[in-house]
PDB file of N, CA and C in Angstrom:
ATOM      1  N   GLN A   1     -25.625 -18.806  56.087  1.00  0.00           N
ATOM      2  CA  GLN A   1     -24.989 -17.695  56.047  1.00  0.00           C
ATOM      3  C   GLN A   1     -25.137 -16.905  54.633  1.00  0.00           C
ATOM      4  N   LEU A   2     -25.429 -15.549  54.609  1.00  0.00           N
ATOM      5  CA  LEU A   2     -25.710 -14.996  53.677  1.00  0.00           C
ATOM      6  C   LEU A   2     -24.281 -14.536  52.929  1.00  0.00           C
ATOM      7  N   GLN A   3     -24.423 -14.736  51.599  1.00  0.00           N
ATOM      8  CA  GLN A   3     -23.074 -14.436  50.911  1.00  0.00           C
ATOM      9  C   GLN A   3     -23.417 -13.617  49.798  1.00  0.00           C
ATOM     10  N   LEU A   4     -22.657 -12.567  49.436  1.00  0.00           N
ATOM     11  CA  LEU A   4     -22.840 -11.855  48.403  1.00  0.00           C
ATOM     12  C   LEU A   4     -21.734 -11.669  47.465  1.00  0.00           C
ATOM     13  N   VAL A   5     -21.762 -11.953  46.153  1.00  0.00           N
ATOM     14  CA  VAL A   5     -20.707 -11.947  45.310  1.00  0.00           C
ATOM     15  C   VAL A   5     -21.043 -11.006  44.044  1.00  0.00           C
ATOM     16  N   GLU A   6     -20.169 -10.068  43.899  1.00  0.00           N
ATOM     17  CA  GLU A   6     -20.110  -9.206  42.747  1.00  0.00           C
ATOM     18  C   GLU A   6     -19.451  -9.648  41.577  1.00  0.00           C
ATOM     19  N   SER A   7     -19.768  -9.265  40.414  1.00  0.00           N
ATOM     20  CA  SER A   7     -18.993  -9.506  39.356  1.00  0.00           C
ATOM     21  C   SER A   7     -19.449  -8.776  38.142  1.00  0.00           C
ATOM     22  N   GLY A   8     -18.744  -8.548  37.136  1.00  0.00           N
ATOM     23  CA  GLY A   8     -18.927  -7.700  35.986  1.00  0.00           C
ATOM     24  C   GLY A   8     -18.079  -6.333  35.788  1.00  0.00           C
ATOM     25  N   GLY A   9     -17.271  -6.009  36.753  1.00  0.00           N
ATOM     26  CA  GLY A   9     -16.428  -4.934  36.808  1.00  0.00           C
ATOM     27  C   GLY A   9     -15.531  -5.011  35.414  1.00  0.00           C
ATOM     28  N   GLY A  10     -14.877  -3.904  35.363  1.00  0.00           N
ATOM     29  CA  GLY A  10     -13.916  -3.950  34.263  1.00  0.00           C
ATOM     30  C   GLY A  10     -13.447  -2.505  33.800  1.00  0.00           C
ATOM     31  N   LEU A  11     -12.661  -2.569  32.683  1.00  0.00           N
ATOM     32  CA  LEU A  11     -12.207  -1.247  32.226  1.00  0.00           C
ATOM     33  C   LEU A  11     -13.069  -0.921  31.008  1.00  0.00           C
ATOM     34  N   VAL A  12     -13.482   0.371  30.937  1.00  0.00           N
ATOM     35  CA  VAL A  12     -14.345   0.792  29.911  1.00  0.00           C
ATOM     36  C   VAL A  12     -14.068   2.258  29.640  1.00  0.00           C
ATOM     37  N   GLN A  13     -14.350   2.612  28.276  1.00  0.00           N
ATOM     38  CA  GLN A  13     -13.964   3.886  27.835  1.00  0.00           C
ATOM     39  C   GLN A  13     -15.287   4.842  28.292  1.00  0.00           C
ATOM     40  N   PRO A  14     -14.934   6.136  28.498  1.00  0.00           N
ATOM     41  CA  PRO A  14     -16.173   7.028  28.667  1.00  0.00           C
ATOM     42  C   PRO A  14     -17.146   7.062  27.664  1.00  0.00           C
ATOM     43  N   GLY A  15     -18.520   6.927  28.153  1.00  0.00           N
ATOM     44  CA  GLY A  15     -19.610   6.758  27.238  1.00  0.00           C
ATOM     45  C   GLY A  15     -20.014   5.242  27.078  1.00  0.00           C
ATOM     46  N   GLY A  16     -19.212   4.433  27.623  1.00  0.00           N
ATOM     47  CA  GLY A  16     -19.466   3.096  27.462  1.00  0.00           C
ATOM     48  C   GLY A  16     -20.330   2.598  28.476  1.00  0.00           C
ATOM     49  N   SER A  17     -20.527   1.130  28.615  1.00  0.00           N
ATOM     50  CA  SER A  17     -21.461   0.605  29.370  1.00  0.00           C
ATOM     51  C   SER A  17     -21.026  -0.692  30.157  1.00  0.00           C
ATOM     52  N   LEU A  18     -21.426  -1.015  31.255  1.00  0.00           N
ATOM     53  CA  LEU A  18     -21.131  -2.150  32.016  1.00  0.00           C
ATOM     54  C   LEU A  18     -22.423  -2.653  32.634  1.00  0.00           C
ATOM     55  N   ARG A  19     -22.384  -4.109  33.045  1.00  0.00           N
ATOM     56  CA  ARG A  19     -23.594  -4.547  33.846  1.00  0.00           C
ATOM     57  C   ARG A  19     -22.690  -5.195  35.046  1.00  0.00           C
ATOM     58  N   LEU A  20     -23.130  -4.826  36.066  1.00  0.00           N
ATOM     59  CA  LEU A  20     -22.710  -5.502  37.252  1.00  0.00           C
ATOM     60  C   LEU A  20     -23.623  -6.574  37.819  1.00  0.00           C
ATOM     61  N   SER A  21     -23.306  -7.556  38.504  1.00  0.00           N
ATOM     62  CA  SER A  21     -24.200  -8.681  39.002  1.00  0.00           C
ATOM     63  C   SER A  21     -23.889  -8.782  40.556  1.00  0.00           C
ATOM     64  N   CYS A  22     -24.965  -9.112  41.519  1.00  0.00           N
ATOM     65  CA  CYS A  22     -24.709  -9.301  42.665  1.00  0.00           C
ATOM     66  C   CYS A  22     -25.469 -10.589  42.881  1.00  0.00           C
ATOM     67  N   ALA A  23     -25.001 -11.731  43.193  1.00  0.00           N
ATOM     68  CA  ALA A  23     -25.589 -12.954  43.585  1.00  0.00           C
ATOM     69  C   ALA A  23     -25.663 -13.166  45.074  1.00  0.00           C
ATOM     70  N   ALA A  24     -26.783 -13.213  45.602  1.00  0.00           N
ATOM     71  CA  ALA A  24     -27.090 -13.177  47.032  1.00  0.00           C
ATOM     72  C   ALA A  24     -27.711 -14.516  47.297  1.00  0.00           C
ATOM     73  N   SER A  25     -26.930 -15.332  47.970  1.00  0.00           N
ATOM     74  CA  SER A  25     -27.312 -16.739  48.400  1.00  0.00           C
ATOM     75  C   SER A  25     -28.614 -16.929  49.105  1.00  0.00           C
ATOM     76  N   GLY A  26     -29.600 -17.257  48.318  1.00  0.00           N
ATOM     77  CA  GLY A  26     -30.777 -17.727  48.964  1.00  0.00           C
ATOM     78  C   GLY A  26     -31.761 -16.886  49.677  1.00  0.00           C
ATOM     79  N   PHE A  27     -31.431 -15.600  49.820  1.00  0.00           N
ATOM     80  CA  PHE A  27     -32.365 -14.525  50.442  1.00  0.00           C
ATOM     81  C   PHE A  27     -32.896 -13.650  49.540  1.00  0.00           C
ATOM     82  N   ARG A  28     -34.101 -13.203  49.958  1.00  0.00           N
ATOM     83  CA  ARG A  28     -34.652 -12.100  49.220  1.00  0.00           C
ATOM     84  C   ARG A  28     -34.820 -10.787  50.188  1.00  0.00           C
ATOM     85  N   LEU A  29     -33.920 -10.018  49.935  1.00  0.00           N
ATOM     86  CA  LEU A  29     -33.596  -8.833  50.886  1.00  0.00           C
ATOM     87  C   LEU A  29     -33.424  -7.515  50.101  1.00  0.00           C
ATOM     88  N   ASN A  30     -33.648  -6.341  50.683  1.00  0.00           N
ATOM     89  CA  ASN A  30     -33.242  -5.166  49.970  1.00  0.00           C
ATOM     90  C   ASN A  30     -31.832  -5.296  49.833  1.00  0.00           C
ATOM     91  N   ILE A  31     -31.481  -4.901  48.503  1.00  0.00           N
ATOM     92  CA  ILE A  31     -30.167  -4.935  47.990  1.00  0.00           C
ATOM     93  C   ILE A  31     -29.736  -3.525  47.624  1.00  0.00           C
ATOM     94  N   GLY A  32     -28.556  -3.046  48.034  1.00  0.00           N
ATOM     95  CA  GLY A  32     -28.050  -1.669  47.696  1.00  0.00           C
ATOM     96  C   GLY A  32     -26.671  -2.047  46.993  1.00  0.00           C
ATOM     97  N   TRP A  33     -26.529  -0.925  45.917  1.00  0.00           N
ATOM     98  CA  TRP A  33     -25.130  -0.946  45.220  1.00  0.00           C
ATOM     99  C   TRP A  33     -24.443   0.537  45.851  1.00  0.00           C
ATOM    100  N   PHE A  34     -23.280   0.295  46.405  1.00  0.00           N
ATOM    101  CA  PHE A  34     -22.484   1.331  46.838  1.00  0.00           C
ATOM    102  C   PHE A  34     -21.129   1.369  46.043  1.00  0.00           C
ATOM    103  N   ARG A  35     -20.408   2.631  46.000  1.00  0.00           N
ATOM    104  CA  ARG A  35     -19.193   2.700  45.430  1.00  0.00           C
ATOM    105  C   ARG A  35     -18.200   3.433  46.295  1.00  0.00           C
ATOM    106  N   GLN A  36     -16.876   3.316  46.210  1.00  0.00           N
ATOM    107  CA  GLN A  36     -15.944   3.914  46.820  1.00  0.00           C
ATOM    108  C   GLN A  36     -14.773   4.354  45.994  1.00  0.00           C
ATOM    109  N   ALA A  37     -14.373   5.255  45.634  1.00  0.00           N
ATOM    110  CA  ALA A  37     -13.402   5.794  44.849  1.00  0.00           C
ATOM    111  C   ALA A  37     -12.328   6.041  45.835  1.00  0.00           C
ATOM    112  N   PRO A  38     -10.980   5.952  45.384  1.00  0.00           N
ATOM    113  CA  PRO A  38      -9.656   6.507  46.295  1.00  0.00           C
ATOM    114  C   PRO A  38      -9.826   7.694  46.971  1.00  0.00           C
ATOM    115  N   GLY A  39      -9.765   7.588  48.119  1.00  0.00           N
ATOM    116  CA  GLY A  39      -9.676   8.890  49.035  1.00  0.00           C
ATOM    117  C   GLY A  39     -11.039   9.400  49.488  1.00  0.00           C
ATOM    118  N   LYS A  40     -12.093   8.655  48.872  1.00  0.00           N
ATOM    119  CA  LYS A  40     -13.517   9.113  49.183  1.00  0.00           C
ATOM    120  C   LYS A  40     -14.175   8.185  50.097  1.00  0.00           C
ATOM    121  N   GLU A  41     -15.252   8.725  50.648  1.00  0.00           N
ATOM    122  CA  GLU A  41     -16.382   7.930  51.483  1.00  0.00           C
ATOM    123  C   GLU A  41     -16.986   7.049  50.390  1.00  0.00           C
ATOM    124  N   ARG A  42     -17.360   5.959  51.070  1.00  0.00           N
ATOM    125  CA  ARG A  42     -18.210   4.977  50.219  1.00  0.00           C
ATOM    126  C   ARG A  42     -19.754   5.634  50.247  1.00  0.00           C
ATOM    127  N   GLU A  43     -20.307   5.615  48.978  1.00  0.00           N
ATOM    128  CA  GLU A  43     -21.370   6.324  48.745  1.00  0.00           C
ATOM    129  C   GLU A  43     -22.519   5.347  48.132  1.00  0.00           C
ATOM    130  N   GLY A  44     -23.830   5.527  48.546  1.00  0.00           N
ATOM    131  CA  GLY A  44     -24.794   4.766  47.925  1.00  0.00           C
ATOM    132  C   GLY A  44     -25.117   5.231  46.452  1.00  0.00           C
ATOM    133  N   VAL A  45     -25.398   4.290  45.597  1.00  0.00           N
ATOM    134  CA  VAL A  45     -25.623   4.558  44.182  1.00  0.00           C
ATOM    135  C   VAL A  45     -27.055   4.313  43.809  1.00  0.00           C
ATOM    136  N   SER A  46     -27.453   2.884  44.301  1.00  0.00           N
ATOM    137  CA  SER A  46     -28.842   2.645  43.905  1.00  0.00           C
ATOM    138  C   SER A  46     -29.386   1.486  44.909  1.00  0.00           C
ATOM    139  N   CYS A  47     -30.520   1.382  44.928  1.00  0.00           N
ATOM    140  CA  CYS A  47     -30.997   0.102  45.823  1.00  0.00           C
ATOM    141  C   CYS A  47     -32.415  -0.328  45.381  1.00  0.00           C
ATOM    142  N   ILE A  48     -32.718  -1.727  45.703  1.00  0.00           N
ATOM    143  CA  ILE A  48     -33.920  -2.385  45.250  1.00  0.00           C
ATOM    144  C   ILE A  48     -34.649  -2.997  46.124  1.00  0.00           C
ATOM    145  N   GLY A  49     -36.073  -2.776  46.307  1.00  0.00           N
ATOM    146  CA  GLY A  49     -36.582  -3.456  47.411  1.00  0.00           C
ATOM    147  C   GLY A  49     -36.699  -4.968  47.186  1.00  0.00           C
ATOM    148  N   SER A  50     -36.913  -5.580  48.460  1.00  0.00           N
ATOM    149  CA  SER A  50     -37.066  -7.068  48.396  1.00  0.00           C
ATOM    150  C   SER A  50     -38.380  -7.648  47.763  1.00  0.00           C
ATOM    151  N   THR A  51     -39.473  -7.080  48.075  1.00  0.00           N
ATOM    152  CA  THR A  51     -40.745  -7.594  47.525  1.00  0.00           C
ATOM    153  C   THR A  51     -41.504  -6.820  46.299  1.00  0.00           C
ATOM    154  N   ASP A  52     -41.407  -5.442  46.450  1.00  0.00           N
ATOM    155  CA  ASP A  52     -42.285  -4.701  45.329  1.00  0.00           C
ATOM    156  C   ASP A  52     -41.097  -4.324  44.553  1.00  0.00           C
ATOM    157  N   GLY A  53     -39.974  -4.422  44.525  1.00  0.00           N
ATOM    158  CA  GLY A  53     -39.059  -3.978  43.602  1.00  0.00           C
ATOM    159  C   GLY A  53     -38.793  -2.643  43.417  1.00  0.00           C
ATOM    160  N   SER A  54     -39.355  -1.779  44.355  1.00  0.00           N
ATOM    161  CA  SER A  54     -39.188  -0.326  44.370  1.00  0.00           C
ATOM    162  C   SER A  54     -37.718   0.073  44.279  1.00  0.00           C
ATOM    163  N   THR A  55     -37.263   1.205  43.502  1.00  0.00           N
ATOM    164  CA  THR A  55     -35.841   1.504  43.328  1.00  0.00           C
ATOM    165  C   THR A  55     -35.577   2.861  43.899  1.00  0.00           C
ATOM    166  N   HIS A  56     -34.405   2.971  43.987  1.00  0.00           N
ATOM    167  CA  HIS A  56     -33.939   4.354  44.484  1.00  0.00           C
ATOM    168  C   HIS A  56     -32.499   4.697  43.859  1.00  0.00           C
ATOM    169  N   TYR A  57     -32.217   5.899  43.524  1.00  0.00           N
ATOM    170  CA  TYR A  57     -31.040   6.193  42.721  1.00  0.00           C
ATOM    171  C   TYR A  57     -30.286   7.583  43.336  1.00  0.00           C
ATOM    172  N   ALA A  58     -29.096   7.527  43.477  1.00  0.00           N
ATOM    173  CA  ALA A  58     -28.313   8.738  43.754  1.00  0.00           C
ATOM    174  C   ALA A  58     -28.510   9.496  42.459  1.00  0.00           C
ATOM    175  N   ASP A  59     -28.603  11.021  42.956  1.00  0.00           N
ATOM    176  CA  ASP A  59     -28.754  11.962  41.671  1.00  0.00           C
ATOM    177  C   ASP A  59     -27.699  11.817  40.689  1.00  0.00           C
ATOM    178  N   SER A  60     -26.376  11.484  41.177  1.00  0.00           N
ATOM    179  CA  SER A  60     -25.169  11.449  40.160  1.00  0.00           C
ATOM    180  C   SER A  60     -25.401  10.327  39.075  1.00  0.00           C
ATOM    181  N   VAL A  61     -26.420   9.335  39.359  1.00  0.00           N
ATOM    182  CA  VAL A  61     -26.425   8.240  38.222  1.00  0.00           C
ATOM    183  C   VAL A  61     -27.872   8.231  37.809  1.00  0.00           C
ATOM    184  N   LYS A  62     -28.708   8.907  38.145  1.00  0.00           N
ATOM    185  CA  LYS A  62     -30.251   8.951  37.556  1.00  0.00           C
ATOM    186  C   LYS A  62     -30.044   9.167  36.205  1.00  0.00           C
ATOM    187  N   GLY A  63     -31.070   8.432  35.411  1.00  0.00           N
ATOM    188  CA  GLY A  63     -30.884   8.460  34.035  1.00  0.00           C
ATOM    189  C   GLY A  63     -29.764   7.433  33.214  1.00  0.00           C
ATOM    190  N   ARG A  64     -28.740   7.131  34.144  1.00  0.00           N
ATOM    191  CA  ARG A  64     -27.672   6.436  33.292  1.00  0.00           C
ATOM    192  C   ARG A  64     -27.555   4.975  34.027  1.00  0.00           C
ATOM    193  N   PHE A  65     -27.943   4.812  35.226  1.00  0.00           N
ATOM    194  CA  PHE A  65     -27.933   3.543  35.827  1.00  0.00           C
ATOM    195  C   PHE A  65     -29.385   2.694  35.987  1.00  0.00           C
ATOM    196  N   THR A  66     -29.361   1.564  35.796  1.00  0.00           N
ATOM    197  CA  THR A  66     -30.587   0.912  36.169  1.00  0.00           C
ATOM    198  C   THR A  66     -30.366  -0.247  37.004  1.00  0.00           C
ATOM    199  N   ILE A  67     -31.181  -0.387  38.101  1.00  0.00           N
ATOM    200  CA  ILE A  67     -31.148  -1.589  38.923  1.00  0.00           C
ATOM    201  C   ILE A  67     -32.264  -2.337  38.606  1.00  0.00           C
ATOM    202  N   SER A  68     -31.935  -3.949  38.803  1.00  0.00           N
ATOM    203  CA  SER A  68     -33.053  -4.834  38.540  1.00  0.00           C
ATOM    204  C   SER A  68     -32.737  -5.954  39.317  1.00  0.00           C
ATOM    205  N   ARG A  69     -33.798  -6.819  39.509  1.00  0.00           N
ATOM    206  CA  ARG A  69     -33.438  -8.061  40.326  1.00  0.00           C
ATOM    207  C   ARG A  69     -34.078  -9.225  39.601  1.00  0.00           C
ATOM    208  N   ASP A  70     -33.469 -10.518  39.566  1.00  0.00           N
ATOM    209  CA  ASP A  70     -34.142 -11.685  39.070  1.00  0.00           C
ATOM    210  C   ASP A  70     -34.167 -12.615  40.256  1.00  0.00           C
ATOM    211  N   ASN A  71     -35.507 -12.610  40.834  1.00  0.00           N
ATOM    212  CA  ASN A  71     -35.552 -13.468  42.088  1.00  0.00           C
ATOM    213  C   ASN A  71     -35.287 -14.918  42.027  1.00  0.00           C
ATOM    214  N   ALA A  72     -35.681 -15.408  40.714  1.00  0.00           N
ATOM    215  CA  ALA A  72     -35.359 -16.855  40.548  1.00  0.00           C
ATOM    216  C   ALA A  72     -33.986 -17.178  40.550  1.00  0.00           C
ATOM    217  N   LYS A  73     -33.115 -16.170  40.304  1.00  0.00           N
ATOM    218  CA  LYS A  73     -31.740 -16.314  40.398  1.00  0.00           C
ATOM    219  C   LYS A  73     -31.087 -15.809  41.515  1.00  0.00           C
ATOM    220  N   ASN A  74     -31.735 -15.116  42.366  1.00  0.00           N
ATOM    221  CA  ASN A  74     -31.158 -14.351  43.519  1.00  0.00           C
ATOM    222  C   ASN A  74     -29.926 -13.756  43.215  1.00  0.00           C
ATOM    223  N   THR A  75     -30.287 -12.825  42.102  1.00  0.00           N
ATOM    224  CA  THR A  75     -29.399 -11.947  41.460  1.00  0.00           C
ATOM    225  C   THR A  75     -29.956 -10.619  41.372  1.00  0.00           C
ATOM    226  N   VAL A  76     -29.131  -9.654  41.592  1.00  0.00           N
ATOM    227  CA  VAL A  76     -29.358  -8.086  41.438  1.00  0.00           C
ATOM    228  C   VAL A  76     -28.304  -7.590  40.422  1.00  0.00           C
ATOM    229  N   TYR A  77     -28.962  -6.867  39.443  1.00  0.00           N
ATOM    230  CA  TYR A  77     -27.994  -6.287  38.412  1.00  0.00           C
ATOM    231  C   TYR A  77     -27.852  -4.720  38.655  1.00  0.00           C
ATOM    232  N   LEU A  78     -26.962  -4.120  38.212  1.00  0.00           N
ATOM    233  CA  LEU A  78     -26.822  -2.623  38.033  1.00  0.00           C
ATOM    234  C   LEU A  78     -26.233  -2.459  36.515  1.00  0.00           C
ATOM    235  N   GLU A  79     -27.127  -2.007  35.795  1.00  0.00           N
ATOM    236  CA  GLU A  79     -26.761  -1.776  34.290  1.00  0.00           C
ATOM    237  C   GLU A  79     -26.296  -0.224  34.346  1.00  0.00           C
ATOM    238  N   MET A  80     -25.133  -0.067  34.041  1.00  0.00           N
ATOM    239  CA  MET A  80     -24.415   1.207  33.927  1.00  0.00           C
ATOM    240  C   MET A  80     -24.126   1.792  32.593  1.00  0.00           C
ATOM    241  N   ASN A  81     -24.709   2.768  32.086  1.00  0.00           N
ATOM    242  CA  ASN A  81     -24.480   3.446  30.791  1.00  0.00           C
ATOM    243  C   ASN A  81     -24.016   4.862  30.807  1.00  0.00           C
ATOM    244  N   THR A  82     -23.640   5.113  29.635  1.00  0.00           N
ATOM    245  CA  THR A  82     -23.047   6.659  29.647  1.00  0.00           C
ATOM    246  C   THR A  82     -21.890   6.912  30.699  1.00  0.00           C
ATOM    247  N   LEU A  83     -21.071   5.823  30.834  1.00  0.00           N
ATOM    248  CA  LEU A  83     -20.228   5.968  32.003  1.00  0.00           C
ATOM    249  C   LEU A  83     -19.321   7.037  31.952  1.00  0.00           C
ATOM    250  N   LYS A  84     -18.985   7.831  33.026  1.00  0.00           N
ATOM    251  CA  LYS A  84     -18.032   8.862  32.960  1.00  0.00           C
ATOM    252  C   LYS A  84     -16.786   8.545  33.839  1.00  0.00           C
ATOM    253  N   PRO A  85     -15.607   9.269  33.916  1.00  0.00           N
ATOM    254  CA  PRO A  85     -14.335   8.943  34.535  1.00  0.00           C
ATOM    255  C   PRO A  85     -14.753   9.069  36.172  1.00  0.00           C
ATOM    256  N   GLU A  86     -15.538  10.014  36.339  1.00  0.00           N
ATOM    257  CA  GLU A  86     -15.895   9.925  37.791  1.00  0.00           C
ATOM    258  C   GLU A  86     -16.744   8.819  38.454  1.00  0.00           C
ATOM    259  N   ASP A  87     -17.075   8.011  37.541  1.00  0.00           N
ATOM    260  CA  ASP A  87     -17.791   6.644  38.085  1.00  0.00           C
ATOM    261  C   ASP A  87     -16.692   5.588  38.417  1.00  0.00           C
ATOM    262  N   THR A  88     -15.534   5.812  38.182  1.00  0.00           N
ATOM    263  CA  THR A  88     -14.350   4.945  38.533  1.00  0.00           C
ATOM    264  C   THR A  88     -14.523   4.870  40.060  1.00  0.00           C
ATOM    265  N   ALA A  89     -14.523   3.509  40.523  1.00  0.00           N
ATOM    266  CA  ALA A  89     -14.514   3.242  42.015  1.00  0.00           C
ATOM    267  C   ALA A  89     -14.800   1.734  42.014  1.00  0.00           C
ATOM    268  N   VAL A  90     -14.500   1.293  43.223  1.00  0.00           N
ATOM    269  CA  VAL A  90     -14.945  -0.253  43.618  1.00  0.00           C
ATOM    270  C   VAL A  90     -16.390  -0.179  44.060  1.00  0.00           C
ATOM    271  N   TYR A  91     -16.998  -1.235  43.459  1.00  0.00           N
ATOM    272  CA  TYR A  91     -18.528  -1.293  43.502  1.00  0.00           C
ATOM    273  C   TYR A  91     -18.826  -2.323  44.366  1.00  0.00           C
ATOM    274  N   TYR A  92     -19.646  -2.130  45.507  1.00  0.00           N
ATOM    275  CA  TYR A  92     -20.037  -3.087  46.425  1.00  0.00           C
ATOM    276  C   TYR A  92     -21.542  -3.281  46.279  1.00  0.00           C
ATOM    277  N   CYS A  93     -22.073  -4.560  46.364  1.00  0.00           N
ATOM    278  CA  CYS A  93     -23.388  -4.809  46.761  1.00  0.00           C
ATOM    279  C   CYS A  93     -23.445  -5.195  48.405  1.00  0.00           C
ATOM    280  N   ALA A  94     -24.734  -4.781  48.819  1.00  0.00           N
ATOM    281  CA  ALA A  94     -24.971  -4.954  50.243  1.00  0.00           C
ATOM    282  C   ALA A  94     -26.287  -5.311  50.626  1.00  0.00           C
ATOM    283  N   ALA A  95     -26.675  -6.106  51.528  1.00  0.00           N
ATOM    284  CA  ALA A  95     -27.986  -6.528  51.897  1.00  0.00           C
ATOM    285  C   ALA A  95     -28.412  -5.869  53.245  1.00  0.00           C
ATOM    286  N   ASP A  96     -29.684  -5.531  53.160  1.00  0.00           N
ATOM    287  CA  ASP A  96     -30.291  -4.967  54.262  1.00  0.00           C
ATOM    288  C   ASP A  96     -31.177  -5.926  54.887  1.00  0.00           C
ATOM    289  N   LEU A  97     -30.832  -6.445  56.394  1.00  0.00           N
ATOM    290  CA  LEU A  97     -31.680  -7.434  56.927  1.00  0.00           C
ATOM    291  C   LEU A  97     -33.171  -6.877  57.466  1.00  0.00           C
ATOM    292  N   ARG A  98     -33.356  -5.887  57.439  1.00  0.00           N
ATOM    293  CA  ARG A  98     -34.562  -5.419  57.938  1.00  0.00           C
ATOM    294  C   ARG A  98     -35.599  -5.800  57.148  1.00  0.00           C
ATOM    295  N   LEU A  99     -36.857  -6.152  57.484  1.00  0.00           N
ATOM    296  CA  LEU A  99     -38.061  -6.736  56.476  1.00  0.00           C
ATOM    297  C   LEU A  99     -38.956  -5.423  56.451  1.00  0.00           C
ATOM    298  N   ASN A 100     -39.781  -5.584  55.523  1.00  0.00           N
ATOM    299  CA  ASN A 100     -40.929  -4.513  55.226  1.00  0.00           C
ATOM    300  C   ASN A 100     -40.417  -3.110  55.314  1.00  0.00           C
ATOM    301  N   ARG A 101     -39.297  -2.913  54.862  1.00  0.00           N
ATOM    302  CA  ARG A 101     -38.988  -1.547  54.727  1.00  0.00           C
ATOM    303  C   ARG A 101     -38.483  -1.099  53.298  1.00  0.00           C
ATOM    304  N   LEU A 102     -38.837   0.236  53.160  1.00  0.00           N
ATOM    305  CA  LEU A 102     -38.178   0.721  51.645  1.00  0.00           C
ATOM    306  C   LEU A 102     -36.730   0.503  51.762  1.00  0.00           C
ATOM    307  N   CYS A 103     -36.251   0.510  50.544  1.00  0.00           N
ATOM    308  CA  CYS A 103     -34.617   0.402  50.541  1.00  0.00           C
ATOM    309  C   CYS A 103     -34.129   1.771  50.567  1.00  0.00           C
ATOM    310  N   THR A 104     -32.812   1.983  51.015  1.00  0.00           N
ATOM    311  CA  THR A 104     -32.378   2.974  51.343  1.00  0.00           C
ATOM    312  C   THR A 104     -30.760   3.093  50.955  1.00  0.00           C
ATOM    313  N   LEU A 105     -30.385   4.287  50.612  1.00  0.00           N
ATOM    314  CA  LEU A 105     -28.981   4.426  50.335  1.00  0.00           C
ATOM    315  C   LEU A 105     -27.873   4.782  51.499  1.00  0.00           C
ATOM    316  N   GLN A 106     -28.689   4.588  52.558  1.00  0.00           N
ATOM    317  CA  GLN A 106     -27.880   4.948  53.826  1.00  0.00           C
ATOM    318  C   GLN A 106     -27.128   3.788  54.220  1.00  0.00           C
ATOM    319  N   ARG A 107     -25.704   3.856  54.238  1.00  0.00           N
ATOM    320  CA  ARG A 107     -24.897   2.732  54.467  1.00  0.00           C
ATOM    321  C   ARG A 107     -25.119   1.943  55.624  1.00  0.00           C
ATOM    322  N   PRO A 108     -25.422   2.613  56.830  1.00  0.00           N
ATOM    323  CA  PRO A 108     -25.653   1.906  58.215  1.00  0.00           C
ATOM    324  C   PRO A 108     -26.603   0.900  58.078  1.00  0.00           C
ATOM    325  N   ALA A 109     -27.694   0.932  57.131  1.00  0.00           N
ATOM    326  CA  ALA A 109     -28.717   0.070  57.217  1.00  0.00           C
ATOM    327  C   ALA A 109     -28.241  -1.256  56.633  1.00  0.00           C
ATOM    328  N   TYR A 110     -27.215  -1.435  56.173  1.00  0.00           N
ATOM    329  CA  TYR A 110     -26.719  -2.612  55.497  1.00  0.00           C
ATOM    330  C   TYR A 110     -25.882  -3.475  56.357  1.00  0.00           C
ATOM    331  N   ASN A 111     -26.019  -4.783  56.282  1.00  0.00           N
ATOM    332  CA  ASN A 111     -25.448  -5.655  57.312  1.00  0.00           C
ATOM    333  C   ASN A 111     -24.343  -6.463  56.664  1.00  0.00           C
ATOM    334  N   TYR A 112     -24.727  -6.792  55.540  1.00  0.00           N
ATOM    335  CA  TYR A 112     -23.674  -7.871  54.800  1.00  0.00           C
ATOM    336  C   TYR A 112     -23.327  -7.087  53.613  1.00  0.00           C
ATOM    337  N   TRP A 113     -21.760  -7.107  53.228  1.00  0.00           N
ATOM    338  CA  TRP A 113     -21.210  -6.477  52.046  1.00  0.00           C
ATOM    339  C   TRP A 113     -20.596  -7.862  51.165  1.00  0.00           C
ATOM    340  N   GLY A 114     -20.508  -7.681  49.808  1.00  0.00           N
ATOM    341  CA  GLY A 114     -19.705  -8.303  49.081  1.00  0.00           C
ATOM    342  C   GLY A 114     -18.332  -7.749  49.128  1.00  0.00           C
ATOM    343  N   GLN A 115     -17.286  -8.484  48.309  1.00  0.00           N
ATOM    344  CA  GLN A 115     -15.942  -8.168  48.310  1.00  0.00           C
ATOM    345  C   GLN A 115     -15.716  -6.789  47.284  1.00  0.00           C
ATOM    346  N   GLY A 116     -16.693  -6.581  46.491  1.00  0.00           N
ATOM    347  CA  GLY A 116     -16.273  -5.406  45.532  1.00  0.00           C
ATOM    348  C   GLY A 116     -15.682  -5.837  44.309  1.00  0.00           C
ATOM    349  N   THR A 117     -16.086  -5.009  43.255  1.00  0.00           N
ATOM    350  CA  THR A 117     -15.549  -5.230  41.910  1.00  0.00           C
ATOM    351  C   THR A 117     -15.249  -3.944  41.445  1.00  0.00           C
ATOM    352  N   GLN A 118     -13.969  -3.785  40.720  1.00  0.00           N
ATOM    353  CA  GLN A 118     -13.525  -2.545  40.243  1.00  0.00           C
ATOM    354  C   GLN A 118     -14.010  -2.211  38.907  1.00  0.00           C
ATOM    355  N   VAL A 119     -14.432  -0.881  38.834  1.00  0.00           N
ATOM    356  CA  VAL A 119     -14.845  -0.362  37.757  1.00  0.00           C
ATOM    357  C   VAL A 119     -13.873   0.822  37.321  1.00  0.00           C
ATOM    358  N   THR A 120     -13.313   0.797  36.019  1.00  0.00           N
ATOM    359  CA  THR A 120     -12.506   1.829  35.753  1.00  0.00           C
ATOM    360  C   THR A 120     -12.909   2.551  34.440  1.00  0.00           C
ATOM    361  N   VAL A 121     -13.198   3.770  34.362  1.00  0.00           N
ATOM    362  CA  VAL A 121     -13.605   4.406  33.290  1.00  0.00           C
ATOM    363  C   VAL A 121     -12.640   5.458  32.629  1.00  0.00           C
ATOM    364  N   SER A 122     -11.943   4.954  31.591  1.00  0.00           N
ATOM    365  CA  SER A 122     -10.755   5.743  31.218  1.00  0.00           C
ATOM    366  C   SER A 122     -10.594   5.612  29.611  1.00  0.00           C
ATOM    367  N   SER A 123     -10.154   6.445  28.948  1.00  0.00           N
ATOM    368  CA  SER A 123      -9.825   6.451  27.619  1.00  0.00           C
ATOM    369  C   SER A 123      -8.234   5.961  27.464  1.00  0.00           C
TER     370      SER A 123
END
């Protein structure tokens, strides 16, 4: 059974940084990070490919967020810098069971989801 566990959320001031982690038990799959703010749709933030490590970012986070993975630890990270109040949301990681595909920020491609971790950017 695939399990995804996020950690690393918290409260940070504007301009600050956080690193989120997603531990994926025993599987090497395309992993995506999504976020959902109150009253808004869940949106794709970034994703990373399972084999070649290719990455993709939403325009709103390009240049500020970096996704990476440590396959030895089955963990995917989302380094978030220069955080803004509009980055406030619950952040979820998700796994795409399709093989040999580029990662995508399209939510329907993802089959398994973590429980989410809250990120609050506020002074």
